[in-house]
Amino acid sequence: MEALAVLKEAEKNLEFFNNNFNDFEMKYPNKFVAVSGANLVAVGETPEAVFQNIDEKKIDHSKVLVEFIPIAGSTLVL
């Protein structure tokens, strides 16, 4: 995949994620979510579970954004 196309796909996924974060926060607290093509494509307890689901759906990893959804109002310390 061309680099510019990868960047555009990533931007599209990030915009979808940001626009839907509040919904994700309510539905999937303390879980990992995967977004691809401006769609939610997987949810799981661990990144491994999410990537297994992505692999089963034969989705290219370069087209996926995976993020952790914290419990509403919590603070993550990295």
PDB file of N, CA and C in Angstrom:
ATOM      1  N   MET A   1       0.847  -1.176   0.000  1.00  0.00           N
ATOM      2  CA  MET A   1       0.000   0.000   0.000  1.00  0.00           C
ATOM      3  C   MET A   1       0.891   1.238   0.000  1.00  0.00           C
ATOM      4  N   GLU A   2       0.557   2.170  -0.805  1.00  0.00           N
ATOM      5  CA  GLU A   2       1.315   3.413  -0.899  1.00  0.00           C
ATOM      6  C   GLU A   2       1.276   4.170   0.431  1.00  0.00           C
ATOM      7  N   ALA A   3       2.389   4.828   0.771  1.00  0.00           N
ATOM      8  CA  ALA A   3       2.503   5.516   2.057  1.00  0.00           C
ATOM      9  C   ALA A   3       1.406   6.557   2.254  1.00  0.00           C
ATOM     10  N   LEU A   4       1.093   7.321   1.226  1.00  0.00           N
ATOM     11  CA  LEU A   4       0.061   8.345   1.355  1.00  0.00           C
ATOM     12  C   LEU A   4      -1.301   7.721   1.633  1.00  0.00           C
ATOM     13  N   ALA A   5      -1.583   6.603   0.991  1.00  0.00           N
ATOM     14  CA  ALA A   5      -2.857   5.908   1.217  1.00  0.00           C
ATOM     15  C   ALA A   5      -2.937   5.396   2.655  1.00  0.00           C
ATOM     16  N   VAL A   6      -1.826   4.891   3.186  1.00  0.00           N
ATOM     17  CA  VAL A   6      -1.794   4.410   4.575  1.00  0.00           C
ATOM     18  C   VAL A   6      -2.074   5.566   5.529  1.00  0.00           C
ATOM     19  N   LEU A   7      -1.457   6.715   5.275  1.00  0.00           N
ATOM     20  CA  LEU A   7      -1.673   7.883   6.132  1.00  0.00           C
ATOM     21  C   LEU A   7      -3.123   8.364   6.073  1.00  0.00           C
ATOM     22  N   LYS A   8      -3.707   8.365   4.893  1.00  0.00           N
ATOM     23  CA  LYS A   8      -5.107   8.786   4.763  1.00  0.00           C
ATOM     24  C   LYS A   8      -6.037   7.825   5.495  1.00  0.00           C
ATOM     25  N   GLU A   9      -5.757   6.540   5.390  1.00  0.00           N
ATOM     26  CA  GLU A   9      -6.563   5.532   6.093  1.00  0.00           C
ATOM     27  C   GLU A   9      -6.441   5.730   7.602  1.00  0.00           C
ATOM     28  N   ALA A  10      -5.230   5.985   8.082  1.00  0.00           N
ATOM     29  CA  ALA A  10      -5.008   6.202   9.516  1.00  0.00           C
ATOM     30  C   ALA A  10      -5.751   7.451   9.991  1.00  0.00           C
ATOM     31  N   GLU A  11      -5.725   8.495   9.197  1.00  0.00           N
ATOM     32  CA  GLU A  11      -6.426   9.728   9.555  1.00  0.00           C
ATOM     33  C   GLU A  11      -7.940   9.496   9.618  1.00  0.00           C
ATOM     34  N   LYS A  12      -8.469   8.760   8.674  1.00  0.00           N
ATOM     35  CA  LYS A  12      -9.897   8.434   8.624  1.00  0.00           C
ATOM     36  C   LYS A  12     -10.297   7.616   9.863  1.00  0.00           C
ATOM     37  N   ASN A  13      -9.464   6.635  10.220  1.00  0.00           N
ATOM     38  CA  ASN A  13      -9.738   5.808  11.392  1.00  0.00           C
ATOM     39  C   ASN A  13      -9.685   6.617  12.680  1.00  0.00           C
ATOM     40  N   LEU A  14      -8.687   7.484  12.789  1.00  0.00           N
ATOM     41  CA  LEU A  14      -8.548   8.306  13.992  1.00  0.00           C
ATOM     42  C   LEU A  14      -9.719   9.274  14.131  1.00  0.00           C
ATOM     43  N   GLU A  15     -10.153   9.858  13.034  1.00  0.00           N
ATOM     44  CA  GLU A  15     -11.299  10.766  13.073  1.00  0.00           C
ATOM     45  C   GLU A  15     -12.560  10.017  13.517  1.00  0.00           C
ATOM     46  N   PHE A  16     -12.775   8.818  12.978  1.00  0.00           N
ATOM     47  CA  PHE A  16     -13.928   8.004  13.381  1.00  0.00           C
ATOM     48  C   PHE A  16     -13.840   7.658  14.867  1.00  0.00           C
ATOM     49  N   PHE A  17     -12.646   7.252  15.311  1.00  0.00           N
ATOM     50  CA  PHE A  17     -12.453   6.913  16.716  1.00  0.00           C
ATOM     51  C   PHE A  17     -12.774   8.113  17.613  1.00  0.00           C
ATOM     52  N   ASN A  18     -12.218   9.264  17.284  1.00  0.00           N
ATOM     53  CA  ASN A  18     -12.445  10.459  18.097  1.00  0.00           C
ATOM     54  C   ASN A  18     -13.918  10.867  18.108  1.00  0.00           C
ATOM     55  N   ASN A  19     -14.580  10.783  16.964  1.00  0.00           N
ATOM     56  CA  ASN A  19     -15.992  11.160  16.876  1.00  0.00           C
ATOM     57  C   ASN A  19     -16.899  10.208  17.656  1.00  0.00           C
ATOM     58  N   ASN A  20     -16.445   8.988  17.860  1.00  0.00           N
ATOM     59  CA  ASN A  20     -17.269   7.977  18.530  1.00  0.00           C
ATOM     60  C   ASN A  20     -16.751   7.575  19.902  1.00  0.00           C
ATOM     61  N   PHE A  21     -15.768   8.302  20.412  1.00  0.00           N
ATOM     62  CA  PHE A  21     -15.134   7.922  21.669  1.00  0.00           C
ATOM     63  C   PHE A  21     -16.144   7.827  22.814  1.00  0.00           C
ATOM     64  N   ASN A  22     -17.037   8.799  22.931  1.00  0.00           N
ATOM     65  CA  ASN A  22     -18.005   8.774  24.046  1.00  0.00           C
ATOM     66  C   ASN A  22     -18.874   7.528  23.989  1.00  0.00           C
ATOM     67  N   ASP A  23     -19.289   7.136  22.808  1.00  0.00           N
ATOM     68  CA  ASP A  23     -20.082   5.920  22.636  1.00  0.00           C
ATOM     69  C   ASP A  23     -19.264   4.684  23.016  1.00  0.00           C
ATOM     70  N   PHE A  24     -18.014   4.642  22.555  1.00  0.00           N
ATOM     71  CA  PHE A  24     -17.133   3.528  22.893  1.00  0.00           C
ATOM     72  C   PHE A  24     -16.902   3.460  24.397  1.00  0.00           C
ATOM     73  N   GLU A  25     -16.727   4.626  25.017  1.00  0.00           N
ATOM     74  CA  GLU A  25     -16.472   4.700  26.456  1.00  0.00           C
ATOM     75  C   GLU A  25     -17.645   4.116  27.250  1.00  0.00           C
ATOM     76  N   MET A  26     -18.852   4.341  26.772  1.00  0.00           N
ATOM     77  CA  MET A  26     -20.037   3.818  27.469  1.00  0.00           C
ATOM     78  C   MET A  26     -20.239   2.327  27.205  1.00  0.00           C
ATOM     79  N   LYS A  27     -19.979   1.882  25.960  1.00  0.00           N
ATOM     80  CA  LYS A  27     -20.261   0.491  25.584  1.00  0.00           C
ATOM     81  C   LYS A  27     -19.111  -0.474  25.874  1.00  0.00           C
ATOM     82  N   TYR A  28     -17.862   0.013  25.813  1.00  0.00           N
ATOM     83  CA  TYR A  28     -16.704  -0.884  25.889  1.00  0.00           C
ATOM     84  C   TYR A  28     -15.666  -0.431  26.911  1.00  0.00           C
ATOM     85  N   PRO A  29     -16.085  -0.098  28.140  1.00  0.00           N
ATOM     86  CA  PRO A  29     -15.090   0.349  29.124  1.00  0.00           C
ATOM     87  C   PRO A  29     -14.103  -0.770  29.463  1.00  0.00           C
ATOM     88  N   ASN A  30     -12.835  -0.366  29.588  1.00  0.00           N
ATOM     89  CA  ASN A  30     -11.770  -1.286  29.983  1.00  0.00           C
ATOM     90  C   ASN A  30     -11.529  -2.382  28.939  1.00  0.00           C
ATOM     91  N   LYS A  31     -11.798  -2.052  27.680  1.00  0.00           N
ATOM     92  CA  LYS A  31     -11.574  -2.996  26.576  1.00  0.00           C
ATOM     93  C   LYS A  31     -10.755  -2.317  25.478  1.00  0.00           C
ATOM     94  N   PHE A  32     -10.275  -3.133  24.563  1.00  0.00           N
ATOM     95  CA  PHE A  32      -9.583  -2.636  23.383  1.00  0.00           C
ATOM     96  C   PHE A  32     -10.553  -2.664  22.216  1.00  0.00           C
ATOM     97  N   VAL A  33     -10.520  -1.609  21.395  1.00  0.00           N
ATOM     98  CA  VAL A  33     -11.358  -1.564  20.204  1.00  0.00           C
ATOM     99  C   VAL A  33     -10.473  -1.394  18.980  1.00  0.00           C
ATOM    100  N   ALA A  34     -10.944  -1.917  17.861  1.00  0.00           N
ATOM    101  CA  ALA A  34     -10.236  -1.776  16.590  1.00  0.00           C
ATOM    102  C   ALA A  34     -11.165  -1.113  15.589  1.00  0.00           C
ATOM    103  N   VAL A  35     -10.629  -0.111  14.898  1.00  0.00           N
ATOM    104  CA  VAL A  35     -11.370   0.640  13.902  1.00  0.00           C
ATOM    105  C   VAL A  35     -10.662   0.485  12.569  1.00  0.00           C
ATOM    106  N   SER A  36     -11.446   0.257  11.519  1.00  0.00           N
ATOM    107  CA  SER A  36     -10.897   0.177  10.162  1.00  0.00           C
ATOM    108  C   SER A  36     -11.966   0.629   9.181  1.00  0.00           C
ATOM    109  N   GLY A  37     -11.574   1.473   8.241  1.00  0.00           N
ATOM    110  CA  GLY A  37     -12.529   1.941   7.240  1.00  0.00           C
ATOM    111  C   GLY A  37     -13.697   2.683   7.847  1.00  0.00           C
ATOM    112  N   ALA A  38     -13.437   3.432   8.914  1.00  0.00           N
ATOM    113  CA  ALA A  38     -14.472   4.180   9.627  1.00  0.00           C
ATOM    114  C   ALA A  38     -15.580   3.260  10.145  1.00  0.00           C
ATOM    115  N   ASN A  39     -15.170   2.073  10.607  1.00  0.00           N
ATOM    116  CA  ASN A  39     -16.088   1.112  11.219  1.00  0.00           C
ATOM    117  C   ASN A  39     -15.408   0.457  12.413  1.00  0.00           C
ATOM    118  N   LEU A  40     -16.195   0.127  13.411  1.00  0.00           N
ATOM    119  CA  LEU A  40     -15.701  -0.679  14.519  1.00  0.00           C
ATOM    120  C   LEU A  40     -15.635  -2.116  14.026  1.00  0.00           C
ATOM    121  N   VAL A  41     -14.446  -2.723  14.044  1.00  0.00           N
ATOM    122  CA  VAL A  41     -14.301  -4.071  13.479  1.00  0.00           C
ATOM    123  C   VAL A  41     -14.002  -5.141  14.515  1.00  0.00           C
ATOM    124  N   ALA A  42     -13.584  -4.748  15.729  1.00  0.00           N
ATOM    125  CA  ALA A  42     -13.292  -5.747  16.760  1.00  0.00           C
ATOM    126  C   ALA A  42     -13.255  -5.084  18.131  1.00  0.00           C
ATOM    127  N   VAL A  43     -13.628  -5.874  19.139  1.00  0.00           N
ATOM    128  CA  VAL A  43     -13.567  -5.456  20.541  1.00  0.00           C
ATOM    129  C   VAL A  43     -13.054  -6.646  21.324  1.00  0.00           C
ATOM    130  N   GLY A  44     -12.156  -6.391  22.292  1.00  0.00           N
ATOM    131  CA  GLY A  44     -11.653  -7.493  23.088  1.00  0.00           C
ATOM    132  C   GLY A  44     -11.046  -7.052  24.392  1.00  0.00           C
ATOM    133  N   GLU A  45     -10.833  -8.032  25.259  1.00  0.00           N
ATOM    134  CA  GLU A  45     -10.228  -7.783  26.567  1.00  0.00           C
ATOM    135  C   GLU A  45      -8.732  -7.484  26.478  1.00  0.00           C
ATOM    136  N   THR A  46      -8.078  -8.026  25.442  1.00  0.00           N
ATOM    137  CA  THR A  46      -6.633  -7.865  25.275  1.00  0.00           C
ATOM    138  C   THR A  46      -6.331  -7.484  23.828  1.00  0.00           C
ATOM    139  N   PRO A  47      -5.170  -6.876  23.596  1.00  0.00           N
ATOM    140  CA  PRO A  47      -4.786  -6.587  22.204  1.00  0.00           C
ATOM    141  C   PRO A  47      -4.687  -7.870  21.381  1.00  0.00           C
ATOM    142  N   GLU A  48      -4.203  -8.946  22.010  1.00  0.00           N
ATOM    143  CA  GLU A  48      -4.070 -10.220  21.299  1.00  0.00           C
ATOM    144  C   GLU A  48      -5.423 -10.720  20.799  1.00  0.00           C
ATOM    145  N   ALA A  49      -6.438 -10.598  21.630  1.00  0.00           N
ATOM    146  CA  ALA A  49      -7.787 -11.036  21.231  1.00  0.00           C
ATOM    147  C   ALA A  49      -8.309 -10.193  20.077  1.00  0.00           C
ATOM    148  N   VAL A  50      -8.049  -8.899  20.131  1.00  0.00           N
ATOM    149  CA  VAL A  50      -8.485  -8.008  19.051  1.00  0.00           C
ATOM    150  C   VAL A  50      -7.778  -8.368  17.752  1.00  0.00           C
ATOM    151  N   PHE A  51      -6.456  -8.559  17.801  1.00  0.00           N
ATOM    152  CA  PHE A  51      -5.718  -8.884  16.578  1.00  0.00           C
ATOM    153  C   PHE A  51      -6.088 -10.269  16.044  1.00  0.00           C
ATOM    154  N   GLN A  52      -6.432 -11.191  16.915  1.00  0.00           N
ATOM    155  CA  GLN A  52      -6.893 -12.501  16.451  1.00  0.00           C
ATOM    156  C   GLN A  52      -8.192 -12.340  15.662  1.00  0.00           C
ATOM    157  N   ASN A  53      -9.090 -11.512  16.176  1.00  0.00           N
ATOM    158  CA  ASN A  53     -10.348 -11.256  15.491  1.00  0.00           C
ATOM    159  C   ASN A  53     -10.114 -10.562  14.152  1.00  0.00           C
ATOM    160  N   ILE A  54      -9.195  -9.607  14.133  1.00  0.00           N
ATOM    161  CA  ILE A  54      -8.846  -8.898  12.890  1.00  0.00           C
ATOM    162  C   ILE A  54      -8.291  -9.885  11.871  1.00  0.00           C
ATOM    163  N   ASP A  55      -7.421 -10.777  12.333  1.00  0.00           N
ATOM    164  CA  ASP A  55      -6.842 -11.787  11.440  1.00  0.00           C
ATOM    165  C   ASP A  55      -7.913 -12.723  10.885  1.00  0.00           C
ATOM    166  N   GLU A  56      -8.867 -13.118  11.733  1.00  0.00           N
ATOM    167  CA  GLU A  56      -9.954 -13.989  11.278  1.00  0.00           C
ATOM    168  C   GLU A  56     -10.795 -13.310  10.197  1.00  0.00           C
ATOM    169  N   LYS A  57     -10.915 -11.988  10.303  1.00  0.00           N
ATOM    170  CA  LYS A  57     -11.673 -11.224   9.306  1.00  0.00           C
ATOM    171  C   LYS A  57     -10.828 -10.846   8.089  1.00  0.00           C
ATOM    172  N   LYS A  58      -9.545 -11.256   8.134  1.00  0.00           N
ATOM    173  CA  LYS A  58      -8.601 -10.991   7.042  1.00  0.00           C
ATOM    174  C   LYS A  58      -8.469  -9.498   6.730  1.00  0.00           C
ATOM    175  N   ILE A  59      -8.373  -8.707   7.794  1.00  0.00           N
ATOM    176  CA  ILE A  59      -8.178  -7.267   7.654  1.00  0.00           C
ATOM    177  C   ILE A  59      -6.692  -6.972   7.800  1.00  0.00           C
ATOM    178  N   ASP A  60      -6.156  -6.210   6.872  1.00  0.00           N
ATOM    179  CA  ASP A  60      -4.745  -5.813   6.870  1.00  0.00           C
ATOM    180  C   ASP A  60      -4.458  -4.957   8.103  1.00  0.00           C
ATOM    181  N   HIS A  61      -3.461  -5.326   8.878  1.00  0.00           N
ATOM    182  CA  HIS A  61      -3.112  -4.587  10.106  1.00  0.00           C
ATOM    183  C   HIS A  61      -2.786  -3.125   9.829  1.00  0.00           C
ATOM    184  N   SER A  62      -2.261  -2.825   8.651  1.00  0.00           N
ATOM    185  CA  SER A  62      -1.900  -1.439   8.335  1.00  0.00           C
ATOM    186  C   SER A  62      -3.138  -0.558   8.152  1.00  0.00           C
ATOM    187  N   LYS A  63      -4.319  -1.171   8.090  1.00  0.00           N
ATOM    188  CA  LYS A  63      -5.562  -0.424   7.910  1.00  0.00           C
ATOM    189  C   LYS A  63      -6.374  -0.331   9.198  1.00  0.00           C
ATOM    190  N   VAL A  64      -5.753  -0.672  10.338  1.00  0.00           N
ATOM    191  CA  VAL A  64      -6.495  -0.771  11.594  1.00  0.00           C
ATOM    192  C   VAL A  64      -5.881   0.132  12.669  1.00  0.00           C
ATOM    193  N   LEU A  65      -6.759   0.781  13.417  1.00  0.00           N
ATOM    194  CA  LEU A  65      -6.370   1.533  14.605  1.00  0.00           C
ATOM    195  C   LEU A  65      -6.896   0.763  15.804  1.00  0.00           C
ATOM    196  N   VAL A  66      -6.015   0.411  16.734  1.00  0.00           N
ATOM    197  CA  VAL A  66      -6.423  -0.290  17.963  1.00  0.00           C
ATOM    198  C   VAL A  66      -6.142   0.637  19.135  1.00  0.00           C
ATOM    199  N   GLU A  67      -7.166   0.842  19.965  1.00  0.00           N
ATOM    200  CA  GLU A  67      -7.048   1.734  21.121  1.00  0.00           C
ATOM    201  C   GLU A  67      -7.693   1.096  22.341  1.00  0.00           C
ATOM    202  N   PHE A  68      -7.178   1.452  23.512  1.00  0.00           N
ATOM    203  CA  PHE A  68      -7.758   1.018  24.779  1.00  0.00           C
ATOM    204  C   PHE A  68      -8.790   2.049  25.219  1.00  0.00           C
ATOM    205  N   ILE A  69      -9.927   1.583  25.694  1.00  0.00           N
ATOM    206  CA  ILE A  69     -10.977   2.472  26.179  1.00  0.00           C
ATOM    207  C   ILE A  69     -10.997   2.396  27.710  1.00  0.00           C
ATOM    208  N   PRO A  70     -10.540   3.449  28.378  1.00  0.00           N
ATOM    209  CA  PRO A  70     -10.549   3.413  29.844  1.00  0.00           C
ATOM    210  C   PRO A  70     -11.969   3.573  30.387  1.00  0.00           C
ATOM    211  N   ILE A  71     -12.129   3.230  31.636  1.00  0.00           N
ATOM    212  CA  ILE A  71     -13.408   3.449  32.309  1.00  0.00           C
ATOM    213  C   ILE A  71     -13.633   4.960  32.410  1.00  0.00           C
ATOM    214  N   ALA A  72     -14.829   5.418  32.101  1.00  0.00           N
ATOM    215  CA  ALA A  72     -15.133   6.854  32.110  1.00  0.00           C
ATOM    216  C   ALA A  72     -14.704   7.502  33.417  1.00  0.00           C
ATOM    217  N   GLY A  73     -13.998   8.607  33.283  1.00  0.00           N
ATOM    218  CA  GLY A  73     -13.552   9.367  34.455  1.00  0.00           C
ATOM    219  C   GLY A  73     -12.272   8.872  35.078  1.00  0.00           C
ATOM    220  N   SER A  74     -11.714   7.777  34.568  1.00  0.00           N
ATOM    221  CA  SER A  74     -10.467   7.259  35.135  1.00  0.00           C
ATOM    222  C   SER A  74      -9.267   7.980  34.526  1.00  0.00           C
ATOM    223  N   THR A  75      -8.141   7.828  35.187  1.00  0.00           N
ATOM    224  CA  THR A  75      -6.898   8.409  34.721  1.00  0.00           C
ATOM    225  C   THR A  75      -5.915   7.282  34.439  1.00  0.00           C
ATOM    226  N   LEU A  76      -5.348   7.289  33.232  1.00  0.00           N
ATOM    227  CA  LEU A  76      -4.343   6.295  32.883  1.00  0.00           C
ATOM    228  C   LEU A  76      -2.969   6.853  33.178  1.00  0.00           C
ATOM    229  N   VAL A  77      -2.150   6.075  33.849  1.00  0.00           N
ATOM    230  CA  VAL A  77      -0.775   6.466  34.137  1.00  0.00           C
ATOM    231  C   VAL A  77       0.114   5.562  33.315  1.00  0.00           C
ATOM    232  N   LEU A  78       0.885   6.151  32.431  1.00  0.00           N
ATOM    233  CA  LEU A  78       1.764   5.362  31.562  1.00  0.00           C
ATOM    234  C   LEU A  78       3.195   5.409  32.049  1.00  0.00           C
TER     235      LEU A  78
END
